N, C-alpha and C. Protein backbone atom coordinates (compact mmCIF):
# COMPACT_ATOMS: atom_id res chain seq x y z
N MET A 1 0.85 -1.19 0.00
CA MET A 1 0.00 0.00 0.00
C MET A 1 0.89 1.24 0.00
N ALA A 2 0.55 2.20 -0.84
CA ALA A 2 1.33 3.43 -0.91
C ALA A 2 1.18 4.21 0.39
N ARG A 3 2.28 4.78 0.82
CA ARG A 3 2.26 5.56 2.06
C ARG A 3 1.68 6.94 1.80
N ILE A 4 0.75 7.34 2.65
CA ILE A 4 0.13 8.66 2.53
C ILE A 4 0.85 9.63 3.46
N THR A 5 1.41 10.67 2.88
CA THR A 5 2.15 11.65 3.66
C THR A 5 1.26 12.84 3.98
N ALA A 6 1.17 13.16 5.22
CA ALA A 6 0.35 14.31 5.63
C ALA A 6 0.97 15.61 5.14
N PRO A 7 0.16 16.60 4.79
CA PRO A 7 0.70 17.90 4.36
C PRO A 7 1.57 18.50 5.46
N ASP A 8 2.62 19.15 5.05
CA ASP A 8 3.54 19.78 5.99
C ASP A 8 3.06 21.21 6.25
N PRO A 9 2.53 21.50 7.45
CA PRO A 9 2.02 22.85 7.73
C PRO A 9 3.10 23.93 7.59
N ALA A 10 4.33 23.58 7.94
CA ALA A 10 5.41 24.58 7.86
C ALA A 10 5.66 25.00 6.41
N ARG A 11 5.66 24.02 5.51
CA ARG A 11 5.88 24.34 4.09
C ARG A 11 4.70 25.14 3.56
N ARG A 12 3.48 24.77 3.95
CA ARG A 12 2.31 25.51 3.49
C ARG A 12 2.35 26.95 4.00
N ASN A 13 2.74 27.11 5.27
CA ASN A 13 2.83 28.45 5.83
C ASN A 13 3.89 29.28 5.14
N GLU A 14 5.01 28.66 4.81
CA GLU A 14 6.08 29.39 4.13
C GLU A 14 5.65 29.82 2.73
N ARG A 15 4.92 28.95 2.03
CA ARG A 15 4.42 29.32 0.70
C ARG A 15 3.45 30.49 0.80
N SER A 16 2.56 30.43 1.78
CA SER A 16 1.59 31.51 1.96
C SER A 16 2.30 32.81 2.31
N ARG A 17 3.25 32.73 3.21
CA ARG A 17 3.99 33.93 3.64
C ARG A 17 4.74 34.55 2.46
N SER A 18 5.39 33.71 1.66
CA SER A 18 6.12 34.20 0.49
C SER A 18 5.17 34.86 -0.51
N ALA A 19 4.00 34.24 -0.72
CA ALA A 19 3.01 34.79 -1.66
C ALA A 19 2.50 36.14 -1.17
N ILE A 20 2.31 36.28 0.13
CA ILE A 20 1.82 37.54 0.70
C ILE A 20 2.86 38.64 0.52
N LEU A 21 4.11 38.33 0.82
CA LEU A 21 5.17 39.33 0.69
C LEU A 21 5.34 39.77 -0.76
N THR A 22 5.29 38.80 -1.67
CA THR A 22 5.42 39.13 -3.10
C THR A 22 4.25 40.00 -3.55
N ALA A 23 3.05 39.65 -3.13
CA ALA A 23 1.86 40.41 -3.51
C ALA A 23 1.93 41.83 -2.98
N ALA A 24 2.34 41.98 -1.73
CA ALA A 24 2.42 43.31 -1.13
C ALA A 24 3.43 44.18 -1.86
N TYR A 25 4.59 43.62 -2.16
CA TYR A 25 5.63 44.38 -2.84
C TYR A 25 5.18 44.80 -4.24
N GLU A 26 4.57 43.87 -4.96
CA GLU A 26 4.12 44.18 -6.32
C GLU A 26 3.03 45.24 -6.32
N LEU A 27 2.10 45.15 -5.40
CA LEU A 27 1.00 46.10 -5.37
C LEU A 27 1.48 47.51 -5.03
N VAL A 28 2.41 47.63 -4.09
CA VAL A 28 2.95 48.95 -3.76
C VAL A 28 3.64 49.55 -4.98
N ALA A 29 4.39 48.74 -5.70
CA ALA A 29 5.08 49.22 -6.90
C ALA A 29 4.09 49.64 -7.98
N GLU A 30 2.97 48.94 -8.07
CA GLU A 30 1.99 49.20 -9.13
C GLU A 30 1.09 50.39 -8.84
N ILE A 31 0.57 50.49 -7.62
CA ILE A 31 -0.45 51.50 -7.34
C ILE A 31 -0.11 52.44 -6.19
N GLY A 32 1.00 52.20 -5.52
CA GLY A 32 1.39 53.06 -4.41
C GLY A 32 0.87 52.56 -3.08
N PHE A 33 1.60 52.88 -2.03
CA PHE A 33 1.26 52.39 -0.70
C PHE A 33 -0.14 52.80 -0.26
N GLY A 34 -0.50 54.06 -0.51
CA GLY A 34 -1.78 54.58 -0.04
C GLY A 34 -2.99 53.83 -0.56
N LYS A 35 -2.89 53.27 -1.76
CA LYS A 35 -4.03 52.59 -2.36
C LYS A 35 -4.06 51.09 -2.06
N VAL A 36 -2.99 50.59 -1.52
CA VAL A 36 -2.94 49.16 -1.22
C VAL A 36 -3.77 48.87 0.03
N THR A 37 -4.51 47.77 0.00
CA THR A 37 -5.29 47.34 1.15
C THR A 37 -4.92 45.91 1.51
N ILE A 38 -5.23 45.53 2.73
CA ILE A 38 -5.01 44.15 3.15
C ILE A 38 -5.83 43.21 2.27
N GLU A 39 -7.04 43.65 1.91
CA GLU A 39 -7.89 42.83 1.05
C GLU A 39 -7.24 42.57 -0.30
N ALA A 40 -6.63 43.62 -0.86
CA ALA A 40 -5.98 43.47 -2.17
C ALA A 40 -4.78 42.53 -2.07
N ILE A 41 -4.01 42.66 -0.99
CA ILE A 41 -2.86 41.77 -0.80
C ILE A 41 -3.33 40.32 -0.68
N ALA A 42 -4.38 40.11 0.11
CA ALA A 42 -4.90 38.76 0.31
C ALA A 42 -5.39 38.15 -1.00
N THR A 43 -6.10 38.96 -1.78
CA THR A 43 -6.61 38.46 -3.07
C THR A 43 -5.48 38.10 -4.01
N ARG A 44 -4.49 38.97 -4.12
CA ARG A 44 -3.35 38.71 -5.00
C ARG A 44 -2.58 37.47 -4.55
N ALA A 45 -2.46 37.29 -3.24
CA ALA A 45 -1.69 36.16 -2.71
C ALA A 45 -2.49 34.87 -2.66
N GLY A 46 -3.80 34.98 -2.82
CA GLY A 46 -4.63 33.78 -2.76
C GLY A 46 -4.82 33.24 -1.36
N VAL A 47 -4.88 34.16 -0.38
CA VAL A 47 -5.09 33.75 1.01
C VAL A 47 -6.21 34.58 1.61
N GLY A 48 -6.64 34.22 2.81
CA GLY A 48 -7.64 35.00 3.51
C GLY A 48 -6.99 36.12 4.31
N LYS A 49 -7.77 37.17 4.59
CA LYS A 49 -7.24 38.28 5.37
C LYS A 49 -6.74 37.82 6.74
N GLN A 50 -7.44 36.84 7.30
CA GLN A 50 -7.06 36.37 8.64
C GLN A 50 -5.66 35.77 8.64
N THR A 51 -5.25 35.23 7.49
CA THR A 51 -3.89 34.67 7.40
C THR A 51 -2.86 35.79 7.51
N ILE A 52 -3.13 36.91 6.87
CA ILE A 52 -2.21 38.05 6.95
C ILE A 52 -2.17 38.59 8.37
N TYR A 53 -3.32 38.77 8.97
CA TYR A 53 -3.36 39.34 10.32
C TYR A 53 -2.79 38.40 11.38
N ARG A 54 -2.67 37.13 11.04
CA ARG A 54 -2.05 36.19 11.97
C ARG A 54 -0.55 36.48 12.12
N TRP A 55 0.06 37.02 11.05
CA TRP A 55 1.50 37.28 11.06
C TRP A 55 1.87 38.74 11.18
N TRP A 56 1.00 39.64 10.72
CA TRP A 56 1.31 41.07 10.75
C TRP A 56 0.14 41.86 11.33
N PRO A 57 0.40 42.86 12.15
CA PRO A 57 -0.68 43.62 12.77
C PRO A 57 -1.27 44.72 11.91
N SER A 58 -0.56 45.08 10.81
CA SER A 58 -1.02 46.21 10.00
C SER A 58 -0.48 46.11 8.58
N LYS A 59 -1.05 46.94 7.72
CA LYS A 59 -0.55 47.01 6.34
C LYS A 59 0.90 47.48 6.31
N GLY A 60 1.22 48.46 7.14
CA GLY A 60 2.59 48.95 7.17
C GLY A 60 3.58 47.87 7.53
N ALA A 61 3.20 47.01 8.47
CA ALA A 61 4.11 45.94 8.90
C ALA A 61 4.36 44.93 7.79
N VAL A 62 3.32 44.55 7.07
CA VAL A 62 3.51 43.56 6.01
C VAL A 62 4.28 44.16 4.83
N VAL A 63 4.03 45.43 4.51
CA VAL A 63 4.75 46.07 3.41
C VAL A 63 6.23 46.25 3.77
N PHE A 64 6.51 46.58 5.03
CA PHE A 64 7.90 46.70 5.46
C PHE A 64 8.62 45.36 5.31
N ASP A 65 7.98 44.27 5.75
CA ASP A 65 8.58 42.95 5.59
C ASP A 65 8.76 42.60 4.11
N ALA A 66 7.79 42.99 3.30
CA ALA A 66 7.88 42.71 1.86
C ALA A 66 9.06 43.46 1.24
N PHE A 67 9.24 44.70 1.68
CA PHE A 67 10.35 45.49 1.17
C PHE A 67 11.68 44.86 1.55
N LEU A 68 11.80 44.41 2.79
CA LEU A 68 13.03 43.77 3.23
C LEU A 68 13.29 42.48 2.46
N ALA A 69 12.24 41.69 2.27
CA ALA A 69 12.40 40.41 1.57
C ALA A 69 12.84 40.62 0.13
N ALA A 70 12.33 41.66 -0.51
CA ALA A 70 12.66 41.90 -1.91
C ALA A 70 14.03 42.53 -2.10
N ASN A 71 14.54 43.15 -1.04
CA ASN A 71 15.81 43.87 -1.17
C ASN A 71 16.87 43.37 -0.19
N GLU A 72 16.68 42.15 0.31
CA GLU A 72 17.61 41.65 1.30
C GLU A 72 18.98 41.41 0.69
N HIS A 73 20.00 41.66 1.49
CA HIS A 73 21.38 41.41 1.06
C HIS A 73 21.90 40.21 1.83
N GLU A 74 22.71 39.43 1.18
CA GLU A 74 23.24 38.25 1.85
C GLU A 74 24.23 38.64 2.93
N GLY A 75 24.08 37.96 4.06
CA GLY A 75 25.03 38.17 5.13
C GLY A 75 24.76 39.42 5.94
N ARG A 76 25.65 39.68 6.87
CA ARG A 76 25.52 40.80 7.79
C ARG A 76 25.91 42.09 7.09
N ILE A 77 25.23 43.18 7.47
CA ILE A 77 25.60 44.48 6.94
C ILE A 77 27.05 44.76 7.32
N ALA A 78 27.83 45.22 6.36
CA ALA A 78 29.24 45.47 6.64
C ALA A 78 29.71 46.70 5.87
N LEU A 79 30.69 47.36 6.43
CA LEU A 79 31.34 48.48 5.76
C LEU A 79 32.73 48.05 5.34
N PRO A 80 33.20 48.55 4.22
CA PRO A 80 34.57 48.19 3.80
C PRO A 80 35.58 48.77 4.77
N ASP A 81 36.70 48.09 4.92
CA ASP A 81 37.80 48.59 5.74
C ASP A 81 39.09 48.38 4.97
N THR A 82 39.35 49.34 4.07
CA THR A 82 40.53 49.25 3.21
C THR A 82 41.74 49.93 3.83
N GLY A 83 41.51 50.58 4.97
CA GLY A 83 42.58 51.37 5.56
C GLY A 83 42.46 52.84 5.21
N ASP A 84 41.60 53.17 4.25
CA ASP A 84 41.37 54.56 3.84
C ASP A 84 39.95 54.92 4.29
N LEU A 85 39.83 55.59 5.43
CA LEU A 85 38.51 55.88 6.00
C LEU A 85 37.64 56.69 5.07
N ALA A 86 38.19 57.73 4.48
CA ALA A 86 37.40 58.58 3.59
C ALA A 86 36.85 57.79 2.42
N ALA A 87 37.68 56.96 1.81
CA ALA A 87 37.25 56.17 0.67
C ALA A 87 36.16 55.17 1.07
N ASP A 88 36.32 54.57 2.24
CA ASP A 88 35.34 53.59 2.69
C ASP A 88 33.98 54.25 2.95
N LEU A 89 33.99 55.40 3.61
CA LEU A 89 32.74 56.09 3.90
C LEU A 89 32.09 56.62 2.62
N LYS A 90 32.89 57.04 1.67
CA LYS A 90 32.33 57.51 0.40
C LYS A 90 31.66 56.36 -0.36
N THR A 91 32.25 55.18 -0.28
CA THR A 91 31.63 54.01 -0.92
C THR A 91 30.24 53.77 -0.36
N VAL A 92 30.13 53.83 0.97
CA VAL A 92 28.84 53.57 1.62
C VAL A 92 27.83 54.66 1.30
N LEU A 93 28.23 55.92 1.39
CA LEU A 93 27.27 57.00 1.13
C LEU A 93 26.88 57.08 -0.34
N ARG A 94 27.77 56.69 -1.23
CA ARG A 94 27.39 56.64 -2.64
C ARG A 94 26.32 55.58 -2.87
N LEU A 95 26.49 54.41 -2.26
CA LEU A 95 25.49 53.35 -2.40
C LEU A 95 24.15 53.78 -1.80
N SER A 96 24.20 54.41 -0.64
CA SER A 96 22.97 54.90 0.00
C SER A 96 22.29 55.93 -0.88
N SER A 97 23.07 56.82 -1.46
CA SER A 97 22.51 57.85 -2.34
C SER A 97 21.85 57.23 -3.56
N ASP A 98 22.49 56.21 -4.13
CA ASP A 98 21.91 55.54 -5.30
C ASP A 98 20.56 54.90 -4.96
N GLU A 99 20.48 54.24 -3.80
CA GLU A 99 19.24 53.60 -3.41
C GLU A 99 18.13 54.62 -3.14
N MET A 100 18.46 55.67 -2.42
CA MET A 100 17.46 56.66 -2.04
C MET A 100 16.97 57.49 -3.22
N SER A 101 17.77 57.59 -4.27
CA SER A 101 17.36 58.37 -5.44
C SER A 101 16.80 57.51 -6.56
N ASP A 102 16.66 56.21 -6.33
CA ASP A 102 16.10 55.31 -7.34
C ASP A 102 14.60 55.58 -7.46
N PRO A 103 14.12 56.05 -8.63
CA PRO A 103 12.70 56.37 -8.77
C PRO A 103 11.78 55.18 -8.47
N ALA A 104 12.25 53.97 -8.72
CA ALA A 104 11.43 52.80 -8.47
C ALA A 104 11.21 52.53 -6.99
N LEU A 105 12.11 53.07 -6.15
CA LEU A 105 12.04 52.83 -4.71
C LEU A 105 11.59 54.05 -3.92
N ASP A 106 11.73 55.22 -4.50
CA ASP A 106 11.51 56.46 -3.76
C ASP A 106 10.11 56.52 -3.14
N ARG A 107 9.08 56.21 -3.92
CA ARG A 107 7.72 56.29 -3.41
C ARG A 107 7.50 55.33 -2.25
N THR A 108 8.06 54.13 -2.37
CA THR A 108 7.93 53.15 -1.28
C THR A 108 8.69 53.60 -0.05
N TYR A 109 9.90 54.12 -0.25
CA TYR A 109 10.69 54.63 0.88
C TYR A 109 9.91 55.69 1.66
N ARG A 110 9.30 56.61 0.93
CA ARG A 110 8.59 57.71 1.59
C ARG A 110 7.36 57.20 2.34
N ALA A 111 6.65 56.26 1.76
CA ALA A 111 5.48 55.70 2.44
C ALA A 111 5.90 54.95 3.70
N LEU A 112 6.97 54.19 3.59
CA LEU A 112 7.45 53.44 4.75
C LEU A 112 7.97 54.38 5.83
N SER A 113 8.58 55.49 5.43
CA SER A 113 9.06 56.46 6.41
C SER A 113 7.91 56.99 7.26
N SER A 114 6.77 57.24 6.62
CA SER A 114 5.59 57.68 7.36
C SER A 114 5.11 56.62 8.33
N GLU A 115 5.11 55.37 7.87
CA GLU A 115 4.69 54.28 8.75
C GLU A 115 5.64 54.12 9.93
N ILE A 116 6.91 54.27 9.68
CA ILE A 116 7.91 54.15 10.75
C ILE A 116 7.69 55.20 11.82
N LEU A 117 7.32 56.41 11.40
CA LEU A 117 7.08 57.48 12.36
C LEU A 117 5.80 57.30 13.15
N ASN A 118 4.81 56.65 12.56
CA ASN A 118 3.48 56.60 13.17
C ASN A 118 3.07 55.25 13.72
N ASP A 119 3.78 54.19 13.37
CA ASP A 119 3.42 52.85 13.83
C ASP A 119 4.54 52.30 14.69
N PRO A 120 4.34 52.19 16.00
CA PRO A 120 5.41 51.71 16.89
C PRO A 120 5.94 50.33 16.52
N VAL A 121 5.08 49.46 15.99
CA VAL A 121 5.52 48.12 15.62
C VAL A 121 6.48 48.18 14.44
N VAL A 122 6.13 48.95 13.43
CA VAL A 122 7.00 49.10 12.26
C VAL A 122 8.28 49.82 12.66
N GLN A 123 8.16 50.80 13.52
CA GLN A 123 9.36 51.52 13.97
C GLN A 123 10.33 50.59 14.69
N ALA A 124 9.81 49.73 15.54
CA ALA A 124 10.67 48.80 16.26
C ALA A 124 11.35 47.83 15.30
N GLU A 125 10.61 47.35 14.29
CA GLU A 125 11.20 46.46 13.30
C GLU A 125 12.28 47.17 12.50
N TYR A 126 12.00 48.41 12.12
CA TYR A 126 12.97 49.19 11.35
C TYR A 126 14.26 49.40 12.15
N ARG A 127 14.11 49.75 13.43
CA ARG A 127 15.29 49.96 14.26
C ARG A 127 16.10 48.68 14.40
N ALA A 128 15.40 47.57 14.69
CA ALA A 128 16.09 46.32 14.97
C ALA A 128 16.72 45.70 13.73
N ARG A 129 16.09 45.85 12.58
CA ARG A 129 16.52 45.11 11.40
C ARG A 129 17.29 45.93 10.38
N LEU A 130 17.16 47.25 10.45
CA LEU A 130 17.86 48.09 9.46
C LEU A 130 18.72 49.17 10.09
N LEU A 131 18.08 50.08 10.83
CA LEU A 131 18.82 51.25 11.30
C LEU A 131 19.91 50.91 12.30
N ASP A 132 19.57 50.20 13.36
CA ASP A 132 20.57 49.91 14.39
C ASP A 132 21.76 49.11 13.85
N PRO A 133 21.54 48.08 13.02
CA PRO A 133 22.70 47.38 12.45
C PRO A 133 23.59 48.28 11.60
N LEU A 134 22.96 49.17 10.81
CA LEU A 134 23.77 50.09 10.00
C LEU A 134 24.59 51.03 10.87
N LEU A 135 23.95 51.60 11.88
CA LEU A 135 24.68 52.52 12.76
C LEU A 135 25.80 51.81 13.51
N GLU A 136 25.55 50.57 13.92
CA GLU A 136 26.56 49.84 14.68
C GLU A 136 27.79 49.54 13.83
N VAL A 137 27.59 49.08 12.58
CA VAL A 137 28.76 48.78 11.76
C VAL A 137 29.50 50.06 11.37
N THR A 138 28.76 51.17 11.27
CA THR A 138 29.43 52.45 10.99
C THR A 138 30.27 52.86 12.19
N ARG A 139 29.72 52.72 13.39
CA ARG A 139 30.51 53.02 14.59
C ARG A 139 31.73 52.11 14.68
N ASP A 140 31.56 50.84 14.30
CA ASP A 140 32.69 49.92 14.33
C ASP A 140 33.81 50.40 13.41
N ARG A 141 33.43 50.86 12.21
CA ARG A 141 34.45 51.34 11.27
C ARG A 141 35.12 52.60 11.78
N LEU A 142 34.34 53.50 12.37
CA LEU A 142 34.91 54.72 12.93
C LEU A 142 35.77 54.41 14.15
N ARG A 143 35.35 53.43 14.94
CA ARG A 143 36.15 53.03 16.11
C ARG A 143 37.51 52.48 15.66
N SER A 144 37.50 51.69 14.58
CA SER A 144 38.75 51.17 14.04
C SER A 144 39.66 52.31 13.58
N ALA A 145 39.06 53.32 12.95
CA ALA A 145 39.84 54.47 12.50
C ALA A 145 40.40 55.25 13.70
N ARG A 146 39.61 55.32 14.75
CA ARG A 146 40.07 56.01 15.96
C ARG A 146 41.26 55.28 16.59
N GLU A 147 41.18 53.94 16.58
CA GLU A 147 42.25 53.14 17.18
C GLU A 147 43.55 53.21 16.38
N THR A 148 43.45 53.42 15.06
CA THR A 148 44.65 53.49 14.23
C THR A 148 45.17 54.91 14.08
N GLY A 149 44.48 55.87 14.70
CA GLY A 149 44.94 57.25 14.65
C GLY A 149 44.37 58.06 13.51
N ALA A 150 43.47 57.47 12.70
CA ALA A 150 42.86 58.22 11.60
C ALA A 150 41.84 59.22 12.12
N LEU A 151 41.34 58.99 13.33
CA LEU A 151 40.47 59.94 14.01
C LEU A 151 41.07 60.22 15.39
N ALA A 152 40.72 61.36 15.95
CA ALA A 152 41.23 61.73 17.27
C ALA A 152 40.76 60.72 18.32
N PRO A 153 41.56 60.49 19.36
CA PRO A 153 41.21 59.51 20.39
C PRO A 153 39.91 59.81 21.11
N ASP A 154 39.51 61.09 21.18
CA ASP A 154 38.28 61.45 21.89
C ASP A 154 37.09 61.64 20.95
N THR A 155 37.17 61.15 19.73
CA THR A 155 36.07 61.29 18.77
C THR A 155 34.80 60.64 19.32
N ASP A 156 33.72 61.41 19.34
CA ASP A 156 32.41 60.91 19.76
C ASP A 156 31.80 60.15 18.58
N LEU A 157 31.75 58.82 18.68
CA LEU A 157 31.32 58.00 17.54
C LEU A 157 29.84 58.20 17.21
N ASP A 158 29.00 58.35 18.22
CA ASP A 158 27.57 58.56 17.95
C ASP A 158 27.36 59.88 17.20
N PHE A 159 28.06 60.92 17.65
CA PHE A 159 27.94 62.21 16.98
C PHE A 159 28.49 62.14 15.56
N ALA A 160 29.56 61.38 15.38
CA ALA A 160 30.15 61.23 14.05
C ALA A 160 29.16 60.57 13.09
N VAL A 161 28.44 59.57 13.56
CA VAL A 161 27.45 58.90 12.73
C VAL A 161 26.34 59.86 12.33
N GLU A 162 25.90 60.69 13.28
CA GLU A 162 24.86 61.68 12.97
C GLU A 162 25.35 62.67 11.91
N LEU A 163 26.59 63.11 12.05
CA LEU A 163 27.15 64.04 11.07
C LEU A 163 27.19 63.42 9.67
N LEU A 164 27.44 62.13 9.63
CA LEU A 164 27.60 61.45 8.36
C LEU A 164 26.27 61.23 7.65
N TYR A 165 25.30 60.67 8.36
CA TYR A 165 24.04 60.28 7.73
C TYR A 165 22.94 61.34 7.80
N GLY A 166 23.02 62.21 8.81
CA GLY A 166 21.96 63.19 8.98
C GLY A 166 21.71 64.09 7.77
N PRO A 167 22.74 64.74 7.23
CA PRO A 167 22.52 65.62 6.08
C PRO A 167 21.98 64.89 4.85
N LEU A 168 22.38 63.63 4.67
CA LEU A 168 21.89 62.86 3.52
C LEU A 168 20.38 62.66 3.63
N ASN A 169 19.93 62.27 4.80
CA ASN A 169 18.49 62.06 5.00
C ASN A 169 17.72 63.37 4.94
N TYR A 170 18.30 64.43 5.47
CA TYR A 170 17.66 65.74 5.41
C TYR A 170 17.45 66.17 3.96
N ARG A 171 18.45 66.00 3.14
CA ARG A 171 18.35 66.40 1.73
C ARG A 171 17.28 65.57 1.03
N TRP A 172 17.23 64.26 1.36
CA TRP A 172 16.24 63.39 0.72
C TRP A 172 14.83 63.70 1.19
N ILE A 173 14.62 63.83 2.48
CA ILE A 173 13.28 64.07 3.02
C ILE A 173 12.67 65.33 2.45
N HIS A 174 13.46 66.40 2.37
CA HIS A 174 12.94 67.70 1.93
C HIS A 174 13.14 67.94 0.44
N GLN A 175 13.69 66.95 -0.26
CA GLN A 175 13.89 67.04 -1.71
C GLN A 175 14.62 68.34 -2.09
N LEU A 176 15.75 68.55 -1.42
CA LEU A 176 16.50 69.78 -1.62
C LEU A 176 17.43 69.73 -2.82
N GLY A 177 17.61 68.57 -3.39
CA GLY A 177 18.50 68.44 -4.53
C GLY A 177 18.81 66.99 -4.79
N PRO A 178 19.47 66.70 -5.90
CA PRO A 178 19.78 65.30 -6.24
C PRO A 178 20.81 64.71 -5.30
N LEU A 179 20.69 63.41 -5.08
CA LEU A 179 21.65 62.69 -4.24
C LEU A 179 22.71 62.08 -5.15
N THR A 180 23.70 62.88 -5.45
CA THR A 180 24.75 62.47 -6.39
C THR A 180 25.96 61.92 -5.64
N HIS A 181 26.85 61.28 -6.38
CA HIS A 181 28.10 60.81 -5.78
C HIS A 181 28.95 61.99 -5.32
N ASP A 182 28.92 63.08 -6.06
CA ASP A 182 29.68 64.26 -5.66
C ASP A 182 29.18 64.79 -4.32
N HIS A 183 27.87 64.81 -4.15
CA HIS A 183 27.29 65.26 -2.89
C HIS A 183 27.70 64.33 -1.75
N ALA A 184 27.66 63.02 -1.99
CA ALA A 184 28.06 62.05 -0.97
C ALA A 184 29.53 62.26 -0.58
N ASP A 185 30.38 62.47 -1.57
CA ASP A 185 31.81 62.68 -1.28
C ASP A 185 32.02 63.95 -0.46
N ARG A 186 31.27 65.01 -0.79
CA ARG A 186 31.41 66.26 -0.05
C ARG A 186 30.95 66.09 1.39
N LEU A 187 29.92 65.29 1.61
CA LEU A 187 29.46 65.03 2.98
C LEU A 187 30.54 64.34 3.80
N VAL A 188 31.18 63.35 3.20
CA VAL A 188 32.25 62.64 3.91
C VAL A 188 33.40 63.58 4.22
N ASP A 189 33.82 64.35 3.23
CA ASP A 189 34.93 65.28 3.44
C ASP A 189 34.60 66.29 4.54
N ALA A 190 33.38 66.82 4.52
CA ALA A 190 32.98 67.81 5.53
C ALA A 190 32.91 67.17 6.92
N THR A 191 32.41 65.94 6.99
CA THR A 191 32.32 65.25 8.27
C THR A 191 33.70 65.02 8.87
N LEU A 192 34.62 64.54 8.05
CA LEU A 192 35.96 64.27 8.56
C LEU A 192 36.70 65.55 8.95
N ARG A 193 36.45 66.63 8.23
CA ARG A 193 37.05 67.92 8.62
C ARG A 193 36.49 68.37 9.97
N ALA A 194 35.18 68.21 10.15
CA ALA A 194 34.55 68.62 11.41
C ALA A 194 35.06 67.79 12.59
N LEU A 195 35.25 66.50 12.37
CA LEU A 195 35.72 65.63 13.44
C LEU A 195 37.18 65.90 13.79
N ASP A 196 37.92 66.42 12.83
CA ASP A 196 39.35 66.68 13.05
C ASP A 196 39.60 68.02 13.71
N ARG A 197 38.54 68.86 13.76
CA ARG A 197 38.70 70.21 14.28
C ARG A 197 38.75 70.18 15.80
N PRO A 198 39.72 70.80 16.44
CA PRO A 198 39.80 70.78 17.91
C PRO A 198 38.65 71.55 18.54
N ALA A 199 38.18 71.05 19.70
CA ALA A 199 37.09 71.70 20.40
C ALA A 199 37.55 73.05 20.95
N THR A 200 36.64 74.05 20.95
CA THR A 200 36.99 75.39 21.44
C THR A 200 36.29 75.70 22.75
N ASN A 201 35.39 74.80 23.20
CA ASN A 201 34.66 75.00 24.46
C ASN A 201 33.91 76.34 24.49
N GLY A 202 33.43 76.70 23.31
CA GLY A 202 32.62 77.93 23.25
C GLY A 202 33.41 79.20 23.24
N THR A 203 34.74 79.14 23.23
CA THR A 203 35.54 80.37 23.22
C THR A 203 36.07 80.61 21.83
N SER A 204 36.50 81.80 21.58
CA SER A 204 37.09 82.15 20.27
C SER A 204 38.31 83.00 20.50
N ALA A 205 39.16 82.98 19.49
CA ALA A 205 40.40 83.77 19.61
C ALA A 205 40.08 85.25 19.57
N ALA A 206 40.87 86.01 20.28
CA ALA A 206 40.65 87.47 20.32
C ALA A 206 41.08 88.08 19.01
């Protein structure tokens, strides 16, 4: 008698989850985040709404997961360490600028940014899975530069990270101009000049 194998719930769940993420990503790309509904995602994925709500609490949460799944990079986030701090930071900011200025991603980025600000669940996921790992590896690279003498021994690494990434995000959020490689290079050069400048403790030369 042929052996009857029971369906594997884990495999079925993984197929459903993959279909949901693909559907969410495609719909956002096609019609924009604002017009996407949980119902539309469920219909495209061939599942019930309750299946989506079993894994995600909101539309923002499922779209964020879909974005990560479609753009995931293999392995841990890492920064190059060639021994040339300026060159390494320019490589990273150029890549960030390219991603943020990609017309195919810009609308999704902006919609997700709103969700991150307004949905504590999405914000926590963003911090844990994207922002905090990026900031940590950047601090690691700056710490290495500090240890080798490329940065001053008292360099505040948290402040250095803000100097590096803050202006890039400011320019993108307010659409103040294109995010070019030249702009990224200027940000790195300005950041390193600022970090190299000795503190004046609020005083100035007479």
